[in-house]
Structures are given as C-alpha cells and as structure tokens.
Amino acid sequence: MKPQSAKAKGRKLQQYVRDEILAHFDELESDDVRSTSMGASGEDVQLSPKARSLLPWAIEAKARAKVAACRFYDQAAEHSEGRYQPVVVMRENYGKALAIVDFQYLLHLMRVYTQG
C-alpha cells in the first residue's frame, strides 16, 4: 500500500471516531473533538477539556489490513451466540491486561456512565 493510501485510511478512521463521539454526546460541539493531521505528534483524536471531562481517553486510531485482535473478537462474538456482548481480554508477557470491546458499545457505556 502506498504511504498516501495508508494515511488516507488512517485519516478516515480518525474522522469516524470523531463523528461517532459527536453523535453520541449531544452536549459536545464540533470543535470539542478534532481529528489531527497525519504525521502530527500526540493523540490522533484531540479532545477539548469539555470532551475530556466526559471521555478521559487518549485516542490512537490504527487502521490495518489485519489485526489478530479482530479475529479474537470475532471468536468471542461467535461464542456469545448473539446473547452477550463480546469482550476480548489479552495481555503480552509482563504487560497490562487490555479489554477489546465494540467501539459503539464503549460509547454506550460511557454515555451511561456520564449520565450517572
């Protein structure tokens, strides 16, 4: 894949994340969540102080052709038989345990959490 195509793919994912956050949190305005330019240092999706109070996240967006974690998630979804929310917990040796959930489900959880 050409570098220009790879950057466009990453930019599209960042914009999706931005748009979904704005769609799920009506109290945020368009300048509260910004997709950064490709090659810029720091977070891929920048949050204003107002947005960060709702979503205490540092967002990195990685668009790849294949990611093993996606296959693990598909396996969890298959095992859930459509009755439960799939969750993958994974850890590298001596690393932190990380949970992988559907992005829409994560936004739902944060919406419920912030509403108290």
N, C-alpha and C. Protein backbone atom coordinates (compact mmCIF):
# COMPACT_ATOMS: atom_id res chain seq x y z
N MET A 1 0.85 -1.18 0.00
CA MET A 1 0.00 0.00 0.00
C MET A 1 0.89 1.24 0.00
N LYS A 2 0.52 2.22 -0.79
CA LYS A 2 1.27 3.46 -0.87
C LYS A 2 1.11 4.25 0.43
N PRO A 3 2.13 4.99 0.84
CA PRO A 3 2.02 5.79 2.07
C PRO A 3 0.81 6.74 2.06
N GLN A 4 0.53 7.31 0.89
CA GLN A 4 -0.60 8.23 0.78
C GLN A 4 -1.92 7.50 1.06
N SER A 5 -2.04 6.29 0.55
CA SER A 5 -3.25 5.49 0.77
C SER A 5 -3.38 5.09 2.23
N ALA A 6 -2.26 4.73 2.85
CA ALA A 6 -2.27 4.34 4.25
C ALA A 6 -2.69 5.52 5.14
N LYS A 7 -2.19 6.70 4.80
CA LYS A 7 -2.56 7.89 5.58
C LYS A 7 -4.04 8.22 5.41
N ALA A 8 -4.55 8.05 4.19
CA ALA A 8 -5.97 8.31 3.94
C ALA A 8 -6.84 7.33 4.73
N LYS A 9 -6.40 6.09 4.81
CA LYS A 9 -7.13 5.07 5.56
C LYS A 9 -7.15 5.43 7.06
N GLY A 10 -6.01 5.86 7.58
CA GLY A 10 -5.94 6.27 8.99
C GLY A 10 -6.77 7.51 9.26
N ARG A 11 -6.72 8.47 8.34
CA ARG A 11 -7.49 9.71 8.49
C ARG A 11 -8.99 9.40 8.51
N LYS A 12 -9.42 8.48 7.66
CA LYS A 12 -10.83 8.10 7.60
C LYS A 12 -11.28 7.49 8.94
N LEU A 13 -10.45 6.66 9.55
CA LEU A 13 -10.78 6.07 10.85
C LEU A 13 -10.85 7.15 11.93
N GLN A 14 -9.91 8.06 11.94
CA GLN A 14 -9.93 9.17 12.91
C GLN A 14 -11.22 9.98 12.77
N GLN A 15 -11.61 10.26 11.54
CA GLN A 15 -12.82 11.04 11.31
C GLN A 15 -14.06 10.26 11.74
N TYR A 16 -14.05 8.95 11.56
CA TYR A 16 -15.16 8.11 12.03
C TYR A 16 -15.26 8.19 13.55
N VAL A 17 -14.14 8.07 14.24
CA VAL A 17 -14.13 8.14 15.70
C VAL A 17 -14.67 9.51 16.15
N ARG A 18 -14.17 10.57 15.54
CA ARG A 18 -14.64 11.92 15.86
C ARG A 18 -16.15 12.03 15.67
N ASP A 19 -16.63 11.61 14.51
CA ASP A 19 -18.05 11.73 14.19
C ASP A 19 -18.93 10.92 15.14
N GLU A 20 -18.48 9.74 15.51
CA GLU A 20 -19.26 8.89 16.42
C GLU A 20 -19.31 9.47 17.83
N ILE A 21 -18.21 10.03 18.29
CA ILE A 21 -18.22 10.67 19.61
C ILE A 21 -19.20 11.84 19.60
N LEU A 22 -19.13 12.65 18.57
CA LEU A 22 -20.05 13.80 18.48
C LEU A 22 -21.50 13.35 18.37
N ALA A 23 -21.75 12.25 17.70
CA ALA A 23 -23.12 11.75 17.56
C ALA A 23 -23.67 11.20 18.88
N HIS A 24 -22.79 10.67 19.72
CA HIS A 24 -23.24 10.06 20.98
C HIS A 24 -23.34 11.06 22.14
N PHE A 25 -22.69 12.20 22.01
CA PHE A 25 -22.67 13.18 23.10
C PHE A 25 -23.15 14.52 22.57
N ASP A 26 -24.47 14.74 22.71
CA ASP A 26 -25.11 15.94 22.17
C ASP A 26 -24.55 17.23 22.78
N GLU A 27 -24.02 17.14 23.98
CA GLU A 27 -23.53 18.35 24.63
C GLU A 27 -22.19 18.83 24.06
N LEU A 28 -21.56 18.02 23.21
CA LEU A 28 -20.30 18.42 22.59
C LEU A 28 -20.56 19.11 21.26
N GLU A 29 -19.70 20.07 20.95
CA GLU A 29 -19.77 20.78 19.66
C GLU A 29 -18.62 20.30 18.78
N SER A 30 -18.70 20.62 17.52
CA SER A 30 -17.73 20.09 16.56
C SER A 30 -16.27 20.41 16.92
N ASP A 31 -16.02 21.55 17.55
CA ASP A 31 -14.63 21.87 17.90
C ASP A 31 -14.18 21.21 19.21
N ASP A 32 -15.06 20.44 19.86
CA ASP A 32 -14.67 19.72 21.07
C ASP A 32 -13.93 18.42 20.76
N VAL A 33 -14.09 17.91 19.54
CA VAL A 33 -13.44 16.66 19.14
C VAL A 33 -12.87 16.88 17.74
N ARG A 34 -11.53 16.75 17.63
CA ARG A 34 -10.88 17.04 16.35
C ARG A 34 -9.98 15.89 15.92
N SER A 35 -10.04 15.60 14.64
CA SER A 35 -9.13 14.64 14.03
C SER A 35 -7.86 15.40 13.68
N THR A 36 -6.71 14.90 14.09
CA THR A 36 -5.45 15.60 13.80
C THR A 36 -4.95 15.25 12.40
N SER A 37 -4.04 16.06 11.92
CA SER A 37 -3.47 15.80 10.60
C SER A 37 -2.50 14.63 10.70
N MET A 38 -2.36 13.91 9.60
CA MET A 38 -1.45 12.78 9.57
C MET A 38 -0.02 13.27 9.79
N GLY A 39 0.70 12.56 10.62
CA GLY A 39 2.08 12.92 10.91
C GLY A 39 2.25 13.86 12.09
N ALA A 40 1.13 14.40 12.59
CA ALA A 40 1.21 15.28 13.76
C ALA A 40 1.53 14.44 14.99
N SER A 41 2.31 15.00 15.89
CA SER A 41 2.63 14.26 17.11
C SER A 41 1.46 14.38 18.10
N GLY A 42 1.40 13.45 19.01
CA GLY A 42 0.34 13.47 20.01
C GLY A 42 -0.83 12.58 19.62
N GLU A 43 -1.93 12.78 20.30
CA GLU A 43 -3.12 11.96 20.11
C GLU A 43 -3.69 12.12 18.70
N ASP A 44 -4.28 11.05 18.19
CA ASP A 44 -4.87 11.09 16.85
C ASP A 44 -6.19 11.83 16.83
N VAL A 45 -6.94 11.73 17.91
CA VAL A 45 -8.21 12.45 18.03
C VAL A 45 -8.09 13.30 19.29
N GLN A 46 -8.10 14.60 19.11
CA GLN A 46 -7.91 15.52 20.24
C GLN A 46 -9.25 15.91 20.84
N LEU A 47 -9.28 15.92 22.18
CA LEU A 47 -10.49 16.27 22.91
C LEU A 47 -10.30 17.57 23.65
N SER A 48 -11.32 18.42 23.62
CA SER A 48 -11.29 19.66 24.40
C SER A 48 -11.43 19.30 25.87
N PRO A 49 -11.18 20.25 26.78
CA PRO A 49 -11.40 19.96 28.20
C PRO A 49 -12.83 19.48 28.48
N LYS A 50 -13.80 20.05 27.80
CA LYS A 50 -15.20 19.63 27.98
C LYS A 50 -15.37 18.17 27.55
N ALA A 51 -14.84 17.82 26.40
CA ALA A 51 -14.95 16.44 25.90
C ALA A 51 -14.18 15.48 26.81
N ARG A 52 -13.02 15.90 27.27
CA ARG A 52 -12.20 15.04 28.12
C ARG A 52 -12.87 14.79 29.47
N SER A 53 -13.70 15.73 29.92
CA SER A 53 -14.42 15.50 31.18
C SER A 53 -15.44 14.36 31.02
N LEU A 54 -15.94 14.15 29.81
CA LEU A 54 -16.86 13.05 29.54
C LEU A 54 -16.13 11.78 29.17
N LEU A 55 -15.03 11.94 28.46
CA LEU A 55 -14.27 10.80 27.94
C LEU A 55 -12.80 10.98 28.31
N PRO A 56 -12.38 10.47 29.44
CA PRO A 56 -10.98 10.64 29.85
C PRO A 56 -10.06 9.68 29.07
N TRP A 57 -9.99 9.90 27.77
CA TRP A 57 -9.27 8.99 26.88
C TRP A 57 -8.14 9.70 26.16
N ALA A 58 -7.12 8.93 25.81
CA ALA A 58 -6.09 9.35 24.86
C ALA A 58 -6.29 8.42 23.67
N ILE A 59 -6.75 8.93 22.55
CA ILE A 59 -7.18 8.10 21.43
C ILE A 59 -6.11 7.99 20.35
N GLU A 60 -5.74 6.77 20.05
CA GLU A 60 -4.89 6.44 18.91
C GLU A 60 -5.74 5.63 17.96
N ALA A 61 -5.77 5.97 16.70
CA ALA A 61 -6.56 5.25 15.70
C ALA A 61 -5.60 4.53 14.77
N LYS A 62 -5.73 3.22 14.68
CA LYS A 62 -4.85 2.41 13.84
C LYS A 62 -5.69 1.61 12.86
N ALA A 63 -5.58 1.89 11.59
CA ALA A 63 -6.30 1.16 10.55
C ALA A 63 -5.30 0.22 9.87
N ARG A 64 -5.53 -1.04 9.99
CA ARG A 64 -4.63 -2.05 9.42
C ARG A 64 -5.45 -3.06 8.62
N ALA A 65 -4.81 -3.71 7.67
CA ALA A 65 -5.48 -4.73 6.88
C ALA A 65 -5.88 -5.91 7.76
N LYS A 66 -4.99 -6.34 8.63
CA LYS A 66 -5.26 -7.47 9.52
C LYS A 66 -4.73 -7.17 10.90
N VAL A 67 -5.54 -7.48 11.90
CA VAL A 67 -5.14 -7.34 13.29
C VAL A 67 -5.63 -8.59 14.00
N ALA A 68 -4.73 -9.31 14.66
CA ALA A 68 -5.11 -10.57 15.31
C ALA A 68 -6.24 -10.35 16.31
N ALA A 69 -6.26 -9.22 16.98
CA ALA A 69 -7.29 -8.95 17.99
C ALA A 69 -8.68 -8.96 17.37
N CYS A 70 -8.79 -8.57 16.12
CA CYS A 70 -10.10 -8.58 15.45
C CYS A 70 -10.59 -10.01 15.28
N ARG A 71 -9.70 -10.92 14.98
CA ARG A 71 -10.09 -12.33 14.86
C ARG A 71 -10.48 -12.88 16.23
N PHE A 72 -9.79 -12.45 17.27
CA PHE A 72 -10.15 -12.87 18.63
C PHE A 72 -11.55 -12.36 18.98
N TYR A 73 -11.84 -11.13 18.59
CA TYR A 73 -13.15 -10.54 18.85
C TYR A 73 -14.23 -11.32 18.09
N ASP A 74 -13.96 -11.68 16.85
CA ASP A 74 -14.92 -12.47 16.06
C ASP A 74 -15.20 -13.81 16.74
N GLN A 75 -14.16 -14.40 17.31
CA GLN A 75 -14.32 -15.67 18.03
C GLN A 75 -15.20 -15.48 19.26
N ALA A 76 -14.98 -14.40 20.01
CA ALA A 76 -15.80 -14.11 21.19
C ALA A 76 -17.25 -13.88 20.78
N ALA A 77 -17.46 -13.19 19.67
CA ALA A 77 -18.82 -12.93 19.18
C ALA A 77 -19.50 -14.23 18.79
N GLU A 78 -18.75 -15.11 18.15
CA GLU A 78 -19.32 -16.41 17.77
C GLU A 78 -19.72 -17.20 19.02
N HIS A 79 -18.87 -17.19 20.02
CA HIS A 79 -19.16 -17.93 21.25
C HIS A 79 -20.32 -17.32 22.02
N SER A 80 -20.55 -16.03 21.86
CA SER A 80 -21.66 -15.37 22.58
C SER A 80 -23.01 -15.75 22.00
N GLU A 81 -23.00 -16.29 20.79
CA GLU A 81 -24.22 -16.71 20.10
C GLU A 81 -25.26 -15.60 20.03
N GLY A 82 -24.79 -14.34 19.99
CA GLY A 82 -25.69 -13.20 19.88
C GLY A 82 -26.43 -12.86 21.17
N ARG A 83 -26.12 -13.55 22.25
CA ARG A 83 -26.82 -13.31 23.52
C ARG A 83 -26.07 -12.37 24.45
N TYR A 84 -24.77 -12.25 24.26
CA TYR A 84 -23.94 -11.46 25.17
C TYR A 84 -23.04 -10.52 24.39
N GLN A 85 -22.53 -9.51 25.08
CA GLN A 85 -21.59 -8.58 24.46
C GLN A 85 -20.20 -9.23 24.42
N PRO A 86 -19.61 -9.39 23.25
CA PRO A 86 -18.26 -9.99 23.17
C PRO A 86 -17.21 -9.07 23.79
N VAL A 87 -16.30 -9.65 24.53
CA VAL A 87 -15.17 -8.93 25.13
C VAL A 87 -13.95 -9.83 24.99
N VAL A 88 -12.84 -9.25 24.56
CA VAL A 88 -11.57 -9.97 24.49
C VAL A 88 -10.65 -9.34 25.53
N VAL A 89 -10.06 -10.17 26.36
CA VAL A 89 -9.05 -9.70 27.30
C VAL A 89 -7.74 -10.35 26.86
N MET A 90 -6.73 -9.52 26.65
CA MET A 90 -5.45 -10.04 26.20
C MET A 90 -4.31 -9.32 26.90
N ARG A 91 -3.18 -10.00 26.97
CA ARG A 91 -2.02 -9.41 27.63
C ARG A 91 -0.75 -10.00 27.04
N GLU A 92 0.23 -9.15 26.80
CA GLU A 92 1.56 -9.62 26.44
C GLU A 92 2.28 -9.98 27.74
N ASN A 93 3.32 -10.78 27.63
CA ASN A 93 4.09 -11.13 28.83
C ASN A 93 4.50 -9.87 29.58
N TYR A 94 4.22 -9.85 30.85
CA TYR A 94 4.58 -8.74 31.76
C TYR A 94 3.88 -7.43 31.45
N GLY A 95 2.91 -7.47 30.56
CA GLY A 95 2.19 -6.25 30.20
C GLY A 95 0.86 -6.16 30.93
N LYS A 96 0.15 -5.09 30.65
CA LYS A 96 -1.18 -4.88 31.22
C LYS A 96 -2.20 -5.73 30.48
N ALA A 97 -3.21 -6.17 31.21
CA ALA A 97 -4.34 -6.84 30.56
C ALA A 97 -5.20 -5.76 29.91
N LEU A 98 -5.53 -5.95 28.65
CA LEU A 98 -6.33 -4.99 27.89
C LEU A 98 -7.64 -5.64 27.48
N ALA A 99 -8.71 -4.87 27.46
CA ALA A 99 -10.01 -5.37 27.03
C ALA A 99 -10.35 -4.76 25.67
N ILE A 100 -10.88 -5.57 24.80
CA ILE A 100 -11.30 -5.11 23.49
C ILE A 100 -12.81 -5.30 23.42
N VAL A 101 -13.52 -4.20 23.17
CA VAL A 101 -14.97 -4.23 23.00
C VAL A 101 -15.31 -3.45 21.74
N ASP A 102 -16.51 -3.65 21.26
CA ASP A 102 -17.00 -2.91 20.11
C ASP A 102 -17.03 -1.41 20.45
N PHE A 103 -16.57 -0.57 19.52
CA PHE A 103 -16.49 0.87 19.77
C PHE A 103 -17.86 1.47 20.10
N GLN A 104 -18.91 1.03 19.39
CA GLN A 104 -20.25 1.53 19.67
C GLN A 104 -20.68 1.16 21.09
N TYR A 105 -20.33 -0.03 21.53
CA TYR A 105 -20.66 -0.47 22.88
C TYR A 105 -19.89 0.38 23.91
N LEU A 106 -18.64 0.67 23.63
CA LEU A 106 -17.86 1.52 24.53
C LEU A 106 -18.49 2.91 24.66
N LEU A 107 -18.91 3.48 23.54
CA LEU A 107 -19.57 4.79 23.59
C LEU A 107 -20.86 4.71 24.41
N HIS A 108 -21.60 3.63 24.24
CA HIS A 108 -22.82 3.43 25.02
C HIS A 108 -22.48 3.38 26.52
N LEU A 109 -21.46 2.62 26.88
CA LEU A 109 -21.06 2.52 28.29
C LEU A 109 -20.67 3.89 28.85
N MET A 110 -19.93 4.65 28.08
CA MET A 110 -19.50 5.97 28.56
C MET A 110 -20.70 6.91 28.68
N ARG A 111 -21.65 6.81 27.77
CA ARG A 111 -22.87 7.64 27.85
C ARG A 111 -23.63 7.32 29.13
N VAL A 112 -23.80 6.03 29.42
CA VAL A 112 -24.50 5.61 30.64
C VAL A 112 -23.72 6.06 31.87
N TYR A 113 -22.40 5.91 31.83
CA TYR A 113 -21.54 6.28 32.96
C TYR A 113 -21.63 7.79 33.25
N THR A 114 -21.61 8.60 32.22
CA THR A 114 -21.61 10.05 32.43
C THR A 114 -22.98 10.57 32.85
N GLN A 115 -24.03 9.81 32.56
CA GLN A 115 -25.37 10.23 32.99
C GLN A 115 -25.64 9.86 34.44
N GLY A 116 -24.73 9.08 35.03
CA GLY A 116 -24.85 8.71 36.43
C GLY A 116 -25.82 7.65 36.62
